[in-house]
Amino acid sequence: MILLDANYILRFLLKDNLEMYEISNDCIVNNDCTLINEVLAEVVFVLLKVYKVTKQDISKSLINILEYDNIIMNDKNTIINSLEIFENKNLDFVDCILCAKSKKYTVKTFDKKLNKCISNNQA
């Protein structure tokens, strides 16, 4: 099993270094790979803050990767749902994960925007 790092995913998405893109593309397309939540959160942060990619483009690109059958992630459907929330809400990505997980778990927070998302998610 291959565990992917944020810079590997970034090179795959951005194609800003052709050699690294080709290596990451070959690996991601042809192997079973694991992507952990922490790495995904780092990818979202870097795309948003460093590369100024829109939330919509981030969401669509990452959902596309997660839909590969060979990409393994804990609770992949919840993470896809959190990316959909991220695209449409004014929340940071980790809060979107919490909001998505609120369908299965009780989430305790003092964050008003997150509480609103949780309330709307359970309705």
PDB file of N, CA and C in Angstrom:
ATOM      1  N   MET A   1       0.845  -1.187   0.000  1.00  0.00           N
ATOM      2  CA  MET A   1       0.000   0.000   0.000  1.00  0.00           C
ATOM      3  C   MET A   1       0.886   1.243   0.000  1.00  0.00           C
ATOM      4  N   ILE A   2       0.507   2.215  -0.788  1.00  0.00           N
ATOM      5  CA  ILE A   2       1.251   3.462  -0.911  1.00  0.00           C
ATOM      6  C   ILE A   2       0.486   4.558  -0.177  1.00  0.00           C
ATOM      7  N   LEU A   3       1.173   5.285   0.679  1.00  0.00           N
ATOM      8  CA  LEU A   3       0.600   6.414   1.410  1.00  0.00           C
ATOM      9  C   LEU A   3       1.065   7.695   0.720  1.00  0.00           C
ATOM     10  N   LEU A   4       0.113   8.501   0.269  1.00  0.00           N
ATOM     11  CA  LEU A   4       0.429   9.702  -0.504  1.00  0.00           C
ATOM     12  C   LEU A   4       0.638  10.924   0.387  1.00  0.00           C
ATOM     13  N   ASP A   5       1.656  11.714   0.052  1.00  0.00           N
ATOM     14  CA  ASP A   5       1.955  12.968   0.738  1.00  0.00           C
ATOM     15  C   ASP A   5       1.298  14.121  -0.019  1.00  0.00           C
ATOM     16  N   ALA A   6       1.141  15.242   0.649  1.00  0.00           N
ATOM     17  CA  ALA A   6       0.486  16.411   0.045  1.00  0.00           C
ATOM     18  C   ALA A   6       1.201  16.879  -1.212  1.00  0.00           C
ATOM     19  N   ASN A   7       2.537  16.931  -1.187  1.00  0.00           N
ATOM     20  CA  ASN A   7       3.218  17.443  -2.379  1.00  0.00           C
ATOM     21  C   ASN A   7       3.046  16.522  -3.575  1.00  0.00           C
ATOM     22  N   TYR A   8       2.841  15.248  -3.345  1.00  0.00           N
ATOM     23  CA  TYR A   8       2.587  14.289  -4.426  1.00  0.00           C
ATOM     24  C   TYR A   8       1.239  14.585  -5.077  1.00  0.00           C
ATOM     25  N   ILE A   9       0.222  14.823  -4.248  1.00  0.00           N
ATOM     26  CA  ILE A   9      -1.105  15.171  -4.751  1.00  0.00           C
ATOM     27  C   ILE A   9      -1.062  16.524  -5.455  1.00  0.00           C
ATOM     28  N   LEU A  10      -0.337  17.478  -4.882  1.00  0.00           N
ATOM     29  CA  LEU A  10      -0.240  18.813  -5.489  1.00  0.00           C
ATOM     30  C   LEU A  10       0.402  18.758  -6.874  1.00  0.00           C
ATOM     31  N   ARG A  11       1.477  17.990  -7.029  1.00  0.00           N
ATOM     32  CA  ARG A  11       2.117  17.883  -8.344  1.00  0.00           C
ATOM     33  C   ARG A  11       1.165  17.234  -9.347  1.00  0.00           C
ATOM     34  N   PHE A  12       0.384  16.252  -8.880  1.00  0.00           N
ATOM     35  CA  PHE A  12      -0.598  15.570  -9.720  1.00  0.00           C
ATOM     36  C   PHE A  12      -1.684  16.545 -10.178  1.00  0.00           C
ATOM     37  N   LEU A  13      -2.164  17.366  -9.286  1.00  0.00           N
ATOM     38  CA  LEU A  13      -3.246  18.298  -9.610  1.00  0.00           C
ATOM     39  C   LEU A  13      -2.774  19.506 -10.413  1.00  0.00           C
ATOM     40  N   LEU A  14      -1.653  20.076 -10.007  1.00  0.00           N
ATOM     41  CA  LEU A  14      -1.204  21.332 -10.592  1.00  0.00           C
ATOM     42  C   LEU A  14      -0.432  21.166 -11.901  1.00  0.00           C
ATOM     43  N   LYS A  15       0.192  20.019 -12.055  1.00  0.00           N
ATOM     44  CA  LYS A  15       0.996  19.759 -13.263  1.00  0.00           C
ATOM     45  C   LYS A  15       2.014  20.876 -13.498  1.00  0.00           C
ATOM     46  N   ASP A  16       2.547  21.425 -12.421  1.00  0.00           N
ATOM     47  CA  ASP A  16       3.486  22.536 -12.515  1.00  0.00           C
ATOM     48  C   ASP A  16       4.940  22.087 -12.674  1.00  0.00           C
ATOM     49  N   ASN A  17       5.187  20.813 -12.496  1.00  0.00           N
ATOM     50  CA  ASN A  17       6.495  20.221 -12.736  1.00  0.00           C
ATOM     51  C   ASN A  17       6.221  18.940 -13.512  1.00  0.00           C
ATOM     52  N   LEU A  18       6.494  18.951 -14.810  1.00  0.00           N
ATOM     53  CA  LEU A  18       6.105  17.852 -15.685  1.00  0.00           C
ATOM     54  C   LEU A  18       6.680  16.515 -15.238  1.00  0.00           C
ATOM     55  N   GLU A  19       7.953  16.505 -14.836  1.00  0.00           N
ATOM     56  CA  GLU A  19       8.572  15.256 -14.404  1.00  0.00           C
ATOM     57  C   GLU A  19       7.873  14.697 -13.159  1.00  0.00           C
ATOM     58  N   MET A  20       7.626  15.556 -12.176  1.00  0.00           N
ATOM     59  CA  MET A  20       6.950  15.107 -10.952  1.00  0.00           C
ATOM     60  C   MET A  20       5.497  14.740 -11.227  1.00  0.00           C
ATOM     61  N   TYR A  21       4.857  15.473 -12.129  1.00  0.00           N
ATOM     62  CA  TYR A  21       3.480  15.131 -12.502  1.00  0.00           C
ATOM     63  C   TYR A  21       3.421  13.722 -13.090  1.00  0.00           C
ATOM     64  N   GLU A  22       4.317  13.420 -14.013  1.00  0.00           N
ATOM     65  CA  GLU A  22       4.301  12.108 -14.656  1.00  0.00           C
ATOM     66  C   GLU A  22       4.540  10.985 -13.653  1.00  0.00           C
ATOM     67  N   ILE A  23       5.440  11.204 -12.717  1.00  0.00           N
ATOM     68  CA  ILE A  23       5.711  10.205 -11.675  1.00  0.00           C
ATOM     69  C   ILE A  23       4.477  10.026 -10.786  1.00  0.00           C
ATOM     70  N   SER A  24       3.897  11.135 -10.339  1.00  0.00           N
ATOM     71  CA  SER A  24       2.727  11.050  -9.458  1.00  0.00           C
ATOM     72  C   SER A  24       1.526  10.481 -10.206  1.00  0.00           C
ATOM     73  N   ASN A  25       1.350  10.861 -11.448  1.00  0.00           N
ATOM     74  CA  ASN A  25       0.241  10.333 -12.248  1.00  0.00           C
ATOM     75  C   ASN A  25       0.351   8.822 -12.402  1.00  0.00           C
ATOM     76  N   ASP A  26       1.537   8.343 -12.745  1.00  0.00           N
ATOM     77  CA  ASP A  26       1.746   6.901 -12.889  1.00  0.00           C
ATOM     78  C   ASP A  26       1.429   6.168 -11.590  1.00  0.00           C
ATOM     79  N   CYS A  27       1.902   6.706 -10.500  1.00  0.00           N
ATOM     80  CA  CYS A  27       1.668   6.079  -9.200  1.00  0.00           C
ATOM     81  C   CYS A  27       0.184   6.084  -8.844  1.00  0.00           C
ATOM     82  N   ILE A  28      -0.440   7.240  -8.937  1.00  0.00           N
ATOM     83  CA  ILE A  28      -1.838   7.385  -8.505  1.00  0.00           C
ATOM     84  C   ILE A  28      -2.788   6.587  -9.392  1.00  0.00           C
ATOM     85  N   VAL A  29      -2.530   6.549 -10.665  1.00  0.00           N
ATOM     86  CA  VAL A  29      -3.426   5.852 -11.602  1.00  0.00           C
ATOM     87  C   VAL A  29      -3.241   4.335 -11.550  1.00  0.00           C
ATOM     88  N   ASN A  30      -2.023   3.875 -11.263  1.00  0.00           N
ATOM     89  CA  ASN A  30      -1.716   2.448 -11.424  1.00  0.00           C
ATOM     90  C   ASN A  30      -1.497   1.674 -10.133  1.00  0.00           C
ATOM     91  N   ASN A  31      -1.726   2.272  -8.985  1.00  0.00           N
ATOM     92  CA  ASN A  31      -1.480   1.580  -7.714  1.00  0.00           C
ATOM     93  C   ASN A  31      -2.609   1.847  -6.726  1.00  0.00           C
ATOM     94  N   ASP A  32      -2.737   0.935  -5.771  1.00  0.00           N
ATOM     95  CA  ASP A  32      -3.616   1.214  -4.636  1.00  0.00           C
ATOM     96  C   ASP A  32      -2.894   2.209  -3.744  1.00  0.00           C
ATOM     97  N   CYS A  33      -3.541   3.342  -3.480  1.00  0.00           N
ATOM     98  CA  CYS A  33      -2.933   4.417  -2.700  1.00  0.00           C
ATOM     99  C   CYS A  33      -3.870   4.837  -1.579  1.00  0.00           C
ATOM    100  N   THR A  34      -3.296   5.159  -0.450  1.00  0.00           N
ATOM    101  CA  THR A  34      -4.058   5.642   0.688  1.00  0.00           C
ATOM    102  C   THR A  34      -3.827   7.141   0.846  1.00  0.00           C
ATOM    103  N   LEU A  35      -4.904   7.839   1.089  1.00  0.00           N
ATOM    104  CA  LEU A  35      -4.861   9.275   1.343  1.00  0.00           C
ATOM    105  C   LEU A  35      -5.496   9.504   2.712  1.00  0.00           C
ATOM    106  N   ILE A  36      -4.734  10.101   3.619  1.00  0.00           N
ATOM    107  CA  ILE A  36      -5.268  10.331   4.964  1.00  0.00           C
ATOM    108  C   ILE A  36      -5.847  11.744   5.057  1.00  0.00           C
ATOM    109  N   ASN A  37      -6.787  11.914   5.977  1.00  0.00           N
ATOM    110  CA  ASN A  37      -7.486  13.195   6.133  1.00  0.00           C
ATOM    111  C   ASN A  37      -6.534  14.362   6.346  1.00  0.00           C
ATOM    112  N   GLU A  38      -5.505  14.146   7.144  1.00  0.00           N
ATOM    113  CA  GLU A  38      -4.568  15.229   7.443  1.00  0.00           C
ATOM    114  C   GLU A  38      -3.857  15.717   6.181  1.00  0.00           C
ATOM    115  N   VAL A  39      -3.497  14.802   5.312  1.00  0.00           N
ATOM    116  CA  VAL A  39      -2.843  15.172   4.059  1.00  0.00           C
ATOM    117  C   VAL A  39      -3.839  15.898   3.154  1.00  0.00           C
ATOM    118  N   LEU A  40      -5.046  15.400   3.090  1.00  0.00           N
ATOM    119  CA  LEU A  40      -6.070  16.060   2.278  1.00  0.00           C
ATOM    120  C   LEU A  40      -6.303  17.486   2.775  1.00  0.00           C
ATOM    121  N   ALA A  41      -6.358  17.674   4.085  1.00  0.00           N
ATOM    122  CA  ALA A  41      -6.541  19.018   4.647  1.00  0.00           C
ATOM    123  C   ALA A  41      -5.373  19.929   4.274  1.00  0.00           C
ATOM    124  N   GLU A  42      -4.152  19.391   4.279  1.00  0.00           N
ATOM    125  CA  GLU A  42      -2.990  20.185   3.877  1.00  0.00           C
ATOM    126  C   GLU A  42      -3.079  20.566   2.397  1.00  0.00           C
ATOM    127  N   VAL A  43      -3.507  19.643   1.556  1.00  0.00           N
ATOM    128  CA  VAL A  43      -3.673  19.925   0.126  1.00  0.00           C
ATOM    129  C   VAL A  43      -4.682  21.047  -0.074  1.00  0.00           C
ATOM    130  N   VAL A  44      -5.816  20.966   0.615  1.00  0.00           N
ATOM    131  CA  VAL A  44      -6.841  22.006   0.507  1.00  0.00           C
ATOM    132  C   VAL A  44      -6.256  23.357   0.918  1.00  0.00           C
ATOM    133  N   PHE A  45      -5.571  23.384   2.055  1.00  0.00           N
ATOM    134  CA  PHE A  45      -4.992  24.638   2.548  1.00  0.00           C
ATOM    135  C   PHE A  45      -4.009  25.233   1.542  1.00  0.00           C
ATOM    136  N   VAL A  46      -3.099  24.425   1.029  1.00  0.00           N
ATOM    137  CA  VAL A  46      -2.076  24.924   0.098  1.00  0.00           C
ATOM    138  C   VAL A  46      -2.717  25.410  -1.198  1.00  0.00           C
ATOM    139  N   LEU A  47      -3.664  24.660  -1.725  1.00  0.00           N
ATOM    140  CA  LEU A  47      -4.330  25.098  -2.961  1.00  0.00           C
ATOM    141  C   LEU A  47      -5.053  26.419  -2.760  1.00  0.00           C
ATOM    142  N   LEU A  48      -5.719  26.561  -1.625  1.00  0.00           N
ATOM    143  CA  LEU A  48      -6.507  27.759  -1.351  1.00  0.00           C
ATOM    144  C   LEU A  48      -5.624  28.964  -1.035  1.00  0.00           C
ATOM    145  N   LYS A  49      -4.679  28.795  -0.133  1.00  0.00           N
ATOM    146  CA  LYS A  49      -3.907  29.932   0.375  1.00  0.00           C
ATOM    147  C   LYS A  49      -2.663  30.251  -0.458  1.00  0.00           C
ATOM    148  N   VAL A  50      -1.973  29.248  -0.949  1.00  0.00           N
ATOM    149  CA  VAL A  50      -0.731  29.489  -1.687  1.00  0.00           C
ATOM    150  C   VAL A  50      -1.006  29.677  -3.174  1.00  0.00           C
ATOM    151  N   TYR A  51      -1.809  28.782  -3.745  1.00  0.00           N
ATOM    152  CA  TYR A  51      -2.047  28.822  -5.191  1.00  0.00           C
ATOM    153  C   TYR A  51      -3.310  29.589  -5.576  1.00  0.00           C
ATOM    154  N   LYS A  52      -4.091  30.019  -4.581  1.00  0.00           N
ATOM    155  CA  LYS A  52      -5.297  30.827  -4.806  1.00  0.00           C
ATOM    156  C   LYS A  52      -6.307  30.135  -5.730  1.00  0.00           C
ATOM    157  N   VAL A  53      -6.407  28.826  -5.607  1.00  0.00           N
ATOM    158  CA  VAL A  53      -7.383  28.053  -6.369  1.00  0.00           C
ATOM    159  C   VAL A  53      -8.747  28.249  -5.711  1.00  0.00           C
ATOM    160  N   THR A  54      -9.799  28.350  -6.500  1.00  0.00           N
ATOM    161  CA  THR A  54     -11.133  28.554  -5.942  1.00  0.00           C
ATOM    162  C   THR A  54     -11.600  27.308  -5.186  1.00  0.00           C
ATOM    163  N   LYS A  55     -12.493  27.526  -4.237  1.00  0.00           N
ATOM    164  CA  LYS A  55     -13.057  26.413  -3.474  1.00  0.00           C
ATOM    165  C   LYS A  55     -13.759  25.431  -4.404  1.00  0.00           C
ATOM    166  N   GLN A  56     -14.428  25.946  -5.422  1.00  0.00           N
ATOM    167  CA  GLN A  56     -15.132  25.085  -6.375  1.00  0.00           C
ATOM    168  C   GLN A  56     -14.147  24.181  -7.122  1.00  0.00           C
ATOM    169  N   ASP A  57     -13.049  24.753  -7.592  1.00  0.00           N
ATOM    170  CA  ASP A  57     -12.059  23.950  -8.323  1.00  0.00           C
ATOM    171  C   ASP A  57     -11.365  22.946  -7.412  1.00  0.00           C
ATOM    172  N   ILE A  58     -11.085  23.355  -6.183  1.00  0.00           N
ATOM    173  CA  ILE A  58     -10.484  22.427  -5.217  1.00  0.00           C
ATOM    174  C   ILE A  58     -11.416  21.250  -4.980  1.00  0.00           C
ATOM    175  N   SER A  59     -12.663  21.548  -4.699  1.00  0.00           N
ATOM    176  CA  SER A  59     -13.642  20.506  -4.419  1.00  0.00           C
ATOM    177  C   SER A  59     -13.771  19.539  -5.595  1.00  0.00           C
ATOM    178  N   LYS A  60     -13.954  20.065  -6.782  1.00  0.00           N
ATOM    179  CA  LYS A  60     -14.134  19.216  -7.962  1.00  0.00           C
ATOM    180  C   LYS A  60     -12.899  18.348  -8.224  1.00  0.00           C
ATOM    181  N   SER A  61     -11.714  18.937  -8.117  1.00  0.00           N
ATOM    182  CA  SER A  61     -10.477  18.195  -8.383  1.00  0.00           C
ATOM    183  C   SER A  61     -10.272  17.067  -7.374  1.00  0.00           C
ATOM    184  N   LEU A  62     -10.498  17.365  -6.107  1.00  0.00           N
ATOM    185  CA  LEU A  62     -10.276  16.349  -5.082  1.00  0.00           C
ATOM    186  C   LEU A  62     -11.357  15.276  -5.096  1.00  0.00           C
ATOM    187  N   ILE A  63     -12.583  15.653  -5.360  1.00  0.00           N
ATOM    188  CA  ILE A  63     -13.636  14.638  -5.493  1.00  0.00           C
ATOM    189  C   ILE A  63     -13.298  13.708  -6.652  1.00  0.00           C
ATOM    190  N   ASN A  64     -12.794  14.272  -7.738  1.00  0.00           N
ATOM    191  CA  ASN A  64     -12.405  13.454  -8.883  1.00  0.00           C
ATOM    192  C   ASN A  64     -11.362  12.408  -8.483  1.00  0.00           C
ATOM    193  N   ILE A  65     -10.347  12.818  -7.739  1.00  0.00           N
ATOM    194  CA  ILE A  65      -9.323  11.865  -7.290  1.00  0.00           C
ATOM    195  C   ILE A  65      -9.928  10.814  -6.368  1.00  0.00           C
ATOM    196  N   LEU A  66     -10.775  11.251  -5.447  1.00  0.00           N
ATOM    197  CA  LEU A  66     -11.350  10.315  -4.479  1.00  0.00           C
ATOM    198  C   LEU A  66     -12.279   9.301  -5.133  1.00  0.00           C
ATOM    199  N   GLU A  67     -12.770   9.617  -6.303  1.00  0.00           N
ATOM    200  CA  GLU A  67     -13.647   8.675  -7.009  1.00  0.00           C
ATOM    201  C   GLU A  67     -12.874   7.568  -7.713  1.00  0.00           C
ATOM    202  N   TYR A  68     -11.545   7.664  -7.770  1.00  0.00           N
ATOM    203  CA  TYR A  68     -10.744   6.566  -8.309  1.00  0.00           C
ATOM    204  C   TYR A  68     -10.933   5.371  -7.386  1.00  0.00           C
ATOM    205  N   ASP A  69     -11.178   4.211  -7.954  1.00  0.00           N
ATOM    206  CA  ASP A  69     -11.380   3.001  -7.157  1.00  0.00           C
ATOM    207  C   ASP A  69     -10.144   2.610  -6.350  1.00  0.00           C
ATOM    208  N   ASN A  70      -8.959   2.972  -6.834  1.00  0.00           N
ATOM    209  CA  ASN A  70      -7.733   2.569  -6.170  1.00  0.00           C
ATOM    210  C   ASN A  70      -7.267   3.548  -5.088  1.00  0.00           C
ATOM    211  N   ILE A  71      -8.012   4.632  -4.883  1.00  0.00           N
ATOM    212  CA  ILE A  71      -7.682   5.571  -3.806  1.00  0.00           C
ATOM    213  C   ILE A  71      -8.478   5.166  -2.571  1.00  0.00           C
ATOM    214  N   ILE A  72      -7.757   4.835  -1.521  1.00  0.00           N
ATOM    215  CA  ILE A  72      -8.373   4.341  -0.301  1.00  0.00           C
ATOM    216  C   ILE A  72      -8.305   5.430   0.760  1.00  0.00           C
ATOM    217  N   MET A  73      -9.430   5.612   1.428  1.00  0.00           N
ATOM    218  CA  MET A  73      -9.519   6.641   2.455  1.00  0.00           C
ATOM    219  C   MET A  73     -10.574   6.198   3.458  1.00  0.00           C
ATOM    220  N   ASN A  74     -10.328   6.445   4.733  1.00  0.00           N
ATOM    221  CA  ASN A  74     -11.337   6.142   5.740  1.00  0.00           C
ATOM    222  C   ASN A  74     -12.565   7.002   5.504  1.00  0.00           C
ATOM    223  N   ASP A  75     -13.714   6.378   5.452  1.00  0.00           N
ATOM    224  CA  ASP A  75     -14.993   7.082   5.330  1.00  0.00           C
ATOM    225  C   ASP A  75     -15.006   8.035   4.130  1.00  0.00           C
ATOM    226  N   LYS A  76     -14.649   7.491   2.977  1.00  0.00           N
ATOM    227  CA  LYS A  76     -14.502   8.284   1.757  1.00  0.00           C
ATOM    228  C   LYS A  76     -15.767   9.073   1.413  1.00  0.00           C
ATOM    229  N   ASN A  77     -16.943   8.486   1.598  1.00  0.00           N
ATOM    230  CA  ASN A  77     -18.186   9.197   1.270  1.00  0.00           C
ATOM    231  C   ASN A  77     -18.377  10.439   2.131  1.00  0.00           C
ATOM    232  N   THR A  78     -18.006  10.352   3.400  1.00  0.00           N
ATOM    233  CA  THR A  78     -18.096  11.516   4.278  1.00  0.00           C
ATOM    234  C   THR A  78     -17.123  12.602   3.847  1.00  0.00           C
ATOM    235  N   ILE A  79     -15.940  12.210   3.421  1.00  0.00           N
ATOM    236  CA  ILE A  79     -14.947  13.188   2.965  1.00  0.00           C
ATOM    237  C   ILE A  79     -15.421  13.850   1.670  1.00  0.00           C
ATOM    238  N   ILE A  80     -16.007  13.084   0.779  1.00  0.00           N
ATOM    239  CA  ILE A  80     -16.577  13.678  -0.444  1.00  0.00           C
ATOM    240  C   ILE A  80     -17.676  14.664  -0.075  1.00  0.00           C
ATOM    241  N   ASN A  81     -18.524  14.285   0.886  1.00  0.00           N
ATOM    242  CA  ASN A  81     -19.564  15.203   1.359  1.00  0.00           C
ATOM    243  C   ASN A  81     -18.950  16.465   1.969  1.00  0.00           C
ATOM    244  N   SER A  82     -17.847  16.317   2.698  1.00  0.00           N
ATOM    245  CA  SER A  82     -17.204  17.495   3.292  1.00  0.00           C
ATOM    246  C   SER A  82     -16.643  18.420   2.211  1.00  0.00           C
ATOM    247  N   LEU A  83     -16.165  17.874   1.105  1.00  0.00           N
ATOM    248  CA  LEU A  83     -15.691  18.704  -0.012  1.00  0.00           C
ATOM    249  C   LEU A  83     -16.855  19.432  -0.678  1.00  0.00           C
ATOM    250  N   GLU A  84     -17.999  18.785  -0.744  1.00  0.00           N
ATOM    251  CA  GLU A  84     -19.199  19.444  -1.282  1.00  0.00           C
ATOM    252  C   GLU A  84     -19.635  20.588  -0.374  1.00  0.00           C
ATOM    253  N   ILE A  85     -19.581  20.385   0.921  1.00  0.00           N
ATOM    254  CA  ILE A  85     -19.900  21.442   1.881  1.00  0.00           C
ATOM    255  C   ILE A  85     -18.887  22.579   1.733  1.00  0.00           C
ATOM    256  N   PHE A  86     -17.611  22.236   1.639  1.00  0.00           N
ATOM    257  CA  PHE A  86     -16.544  23.221   1.495  1.00  0.00           C
ATOM    258  C   PHE A  86     -16.771  24.122   0.279  1.00  0.00           C
ATOM    259  N   GLU A  87     -17.244  23.534  -0.784  1.00  0.00           N
ATOM    260  CA  GLU A  87     -17.486  24.292  -2.012  1.00  0.00           C
ATOM    261  C   GLU A  87     -18.583  25.335  -1.820  1.00  0.00           C
ATOM    262  N   ASN A  88     -19.543  25.047  -0.961  1.00  0.00           N
ATOM    263  CA  ASN A  88     -20.747  25.878  -0.870  1.00  0.00           C
ATOM    264  C   ASN A  88     -20.893  26.689   0.410  1.00  0.00           C
ATOM    265  N   LYS A  89     -20.037  26.464   1.380  1.00  0.00           N
ATOM    266  CA  LYS A  89     -20.162  27.157   2.669  1.00  0.00           C
ATOM    267  C   LYS A  89     -18.920  27.990   2.964  1.00  0.00           C
ATOM    268  N   ASN A  90     -19.083  28.978   3.812  1.00  0.00           N
ATOM    269  CA  ASN A  90     -17.969  29.809   4.239  1.00  0.00           C
ATOM    270  C   ASN A  90     -17.360  29.209   5.515  1.00  0.00           C
ATOM    271  N   LEU A  91     -16.801  28.020   5.366  1.00  0.00           N
ATOM    272  CA  LEU A  91     -16.167  27.307   6.472  1.00  0.00           C
ATOM    273  C   LEU A  91     -14.808  26.813   6.021  1.00  0.00           C
ATOM    274  N   ASP A  92     -13.886  26.658   6.977  1.00  0.00           N
ATOM    275  CA  ASP A  92     -12.627  26.033   6.589  1.00  0.00           C
ATOM    276  C   ASP A  92     -12.865  24.532   6.427  1.00  0.00           C
ATOM    277  N   PHE A  93     -11.916  23.873   5.780  1.00  0.00           N
ATOM    278  CA  PHE A  93     -12.138  22.481   5.404  1.00  0.00           C
ATOM    279  C   PHE A  93     -12.331  21.552   6.594  1.00  0.00           C
ATOM    280  N   VAL A  94     -11.562  21.740   7.647  1.00  0.00           N
ATOM    281  CA  VAL A  94     -11.708  20.865   8.824  1.00  0.00           C
ATOM    282  C   VAL A  94     -13.112  20.999   9.421  1.00  0.00           C
ATOM    283  N   ASP A  95     -13.651  22.212   9.456  1.00  0.00           N
ATOM    284  CA  ASP A  95     -15.027  22.388   9.925  1.00  0.00           C
ATOM    285  C   ASP A  95     -16.011  21.681   8.995  1.00  0.00           C
ATOM    286  N   CYS A  96     -15.722  21.665   7.717  1.00  0.00           N
ATOM    287  CA  CYS A  96     -16.582  20.953   6.763  1.00  0.00           C
ATOM    288  C   CYS A  96     -16.568  19.445   7.026  1.00  0.00           C
ATOM    289  N   ILE A  97     -15.402  18.922   7.401  1.00  0.00           N
ATOM    290  CA  ILE A  97     -15.334  17.504   7.770  1.00  0.00           C
ATOM    291  C   ILE A  97     -16.198  17.249   9.004  1.00  0.00           C
ATOM    292  N   LEU A  98     -16.091  18.114  10.000  1.00  0.00           N
ATOM    293  CA  LEU A  98     -16.914  17.962  11.205  1.00  0.00           C
ATOM    294  C   LEU A  98     -18.395  18.049  10.870  1.00  0.00           C
ATOM    295  N   CYS A  99     -18.753  18.985  10.010  1.00  0.00           N
ATOM    296  CA  CYS A  99     -20.149  19.115   9.608  1.00  0.00           C
ATOM    297  C   CYS A  99     -20.628  17.840   8.920  1.00  0.00           C
ATOM    298  N   ALA A 100     -19.840  17.318   8.007  1.00  0.00           N
ATOM    299  CA  ALA A 100     -20.215  16.083   7.308  1.00  0.00           C
ATOM    300  C   ALA A 100     -20.319  14.912   8.281  1.00  0.00           C
ATOM    301  N   LYS A 101     -19.428  14.849   9.252  1.00  0.00           N
ATOM    302  CA  LYS A 101     -19.458  13.760  10.234  1.00  0.00           C
ATOM    303  C   LYS A 101     -20.624  13.891  11.213  1.00  0.00           C
ATOM    304  N   SER A 102     -21.234  15.071  11.255  1.00  0.00           N
ATOM    305  CA  SER A 102     -22.350  15.261  12.181  1.00  0.00           C
ATOM    306  C   SER A 102     -23.567  14.424  11.805  1.00  0.00           C
ATOM    307  N   LYS A 103     -23.572  13.848  10.612  1.00  0.00           N
ATOM    308  CA  LYS A 103     -24.654  12.926  10.245  1.00  0.00           C
ATOM    309  C   LYS A 103     -24.563  11.631  11.046  1.00  0.00           C
ATOM    310  N   LYS A 104     -23.335  11.281  11.492  1.00  0.00           N
ATOM    311  CA  LYS A 104     -23.120  10.026  12.230  1.00  0.00           C
ATOM    312  C   LYS A 104     -22.770  10.240  13.696  1.00  0.00           C
ATOM    313  N   TYR A 105     -22.213  11.432  14.004  1.00  0.00           N
ATOM    314  CA  TYR A 105     -21.703  11.694  15.346  1.00  0.00           C
ATOM    315  C   TYR A 105     -22.283  12.994  15.894  1.00  0.00           C
ATOM    316  N   THR A 106     -22.272  13.121  17.198  1.00  0.00           N
ATOM    317  CA  THR A 106     -22.599  14.385  17.830  1.00  0.00           C
ATOM    318  C   THR A 106     -21.325  15.224  17.853  1.00  0.00           C
ATOM    319  N   VAL A 107     -21.399  16.405  17.271  1.00  0.00           N
ATOM    320  CA  VAL A 107     -20.240  17.300  17.220  1.00  0.00           C
ATOM    321  C   VAL A 107     -20.499  18.457  18.178  1.00  0.00           C
ATOM    322  N   LYS A 108     -19.585  18.694  19.085  1.00  0.00           N
ATOM    323  CA  LYS A 108     -19.685  19.796  20.041  1.00  0.00           C
ATOM    324  C   LYS A 108     -18.734  20.908  19.622  1.00  0.00           C
ATOM    325  N   THR A 109     -19.254  22.118  19.499  1.00  0.00           N
ATOM    326  CA  THR A 109     -18.438  23.261  19.109  1.00  0.00           C
ATOM    327  C   THR A 109     -19.079  24.540  19.622  1.00  0.00           C
ATOM    328  N   PHE A 110     -18.265  25.573  19.777  1.00  0.00           N
ATOM    329  CA  PHE A 110     -18.763  26.909  20.078  1.00  0.00           C
ATOM    330  C   PHE A 110     -18.799  27.776  18.818  1.00  0.00           C
ATOM    331  N   ASP A 111     -18.343  27.232  17.694  1.00  0.00           N
ATOM    332  CA  ASP A 111     -18.278  27.954  16.428  1.00  0.00           C
ATOM    333  C   ASP A 111     -19.684  28.098  15.848  1.00  0.00           C
ATOM    334  N   LYS A 112     -20.147  29.335  15.723  1.00  0.00           N
ATOM    335  CA  LYS A 112     -21.524  29.584  15.265  1.00  0.00           C
ATOM    336  C   LYS A 112     -21.755  29.122  13.834  1.00  0.00           C
ATOM    337  N   LYS A 113     -20.787  29.359  12.942  1.00  0.00           N
ATOM    338  CA  LYS A 113     -20.956  28.937  11.548  1.00  0.00           C
ATOM    339  C   LYS A 113     -20.984  27.411  11.441  1.00  0.00           C
ATOM    340  N   LEU A 114     -20.145  26.745  12.209  1.00  0.00           N
ATOM    341  CA  LEU A 114     -20.140  25.288  12.204  1.00  0.00           C
ATOM    342  C   LEU A 114     -21.447  24.751  12.785  1.00  0.00           C
ATOM    343  N   ASN A 115     -21.920  25.328  13.870  1.00  0.00           N
ATOM    344  CA  ASN A 115     -23.199  24.887  14.444  1.00  0.00           C
ATOM    345  C   ASN A 115     -24.348  25.054  13.452  1.00  0.00           C
ATOM    346  N   LYS A 116     -24.335  26.136  12.675  1.00  0.00           N
ATOM    347  CA  LYS A 116     -25.364  26.344  11.665  1.00  0.00           C
ATOM    348  C   LYS A 116     -25.271  25.260  10.583  1.00  0.00           C
ATOM    349  N   CYS A 117     -24.072  24.951  10.158  1.00  0.00           N
ATOM    350  CA  CYS A 117     -23.887  23.898   9.171  1.00  0.00           C
ATOM    351  C   CYS A 117     -24.394  22.563   9.701  1.00  0.00           C
ATOM    352  N   ILE A 118     -24.058  22.259  10.948  1.00  0.00           N
ATOM    353  CA  ILE A 118     -24.509  21.013  11.576  1.00  0.00           C
ATOM    354  C   ILE A 118     -26.030  20.961  11.633  1.00  0.00           C
ATOM    355  N   SER A 119     -26.663  22.056  12.028  1.00  0.00           N
ATOM    356  CA  SER A 119     -28.133  22.109  12.095  1.00  0.00           C
ATOM    357  C   SER A 119     -28.748  21.879  10.728  1.00  0.00           C
ATOM    358  N   ASN A 120     -28.183  22.515   9.690  1.00  0.00           N
ATOM    359  CA  ASN A 120     -28.705  22.348   8.340  1.00  0.00           C
ATOM    360  C   ASN A 120     -28.430  20.948   7.799  1.00  0.00           C
ATOM    361  N   ASN A 121     -27.349  20.337   8.223  1.00  0.00           N
ATOM    362  CA  ASN A 121     -26.953  19.013   7.754  1.00  0.00           C
ATOM    363  C   ASN A 121     -27.851  17.927   8.334  1.00  0.00           C
ATOM    364  N   GLN A 122     -28.417  18.182   9.495  1.00  0.00           N
ATOM    365  CA  GLN A 122     -29.257  17.185  10.142  1.00  0.00           C
ATOM    366  C   GLN A 122     -30.734  17.353   9.806  1.00  0.00           C
ATOM    367  N   ALA A 123     -31.052  18.434   9.120  1.00  0.00           N
ATOM    368  CA  ALA A 123     -32.459  18.704   8.782  1.00  0.00           C
ATOM    369  C   ALA A 123     -32.922  17.847   7.624  1.00  0.00           C
TER     370      ALA A 123
END
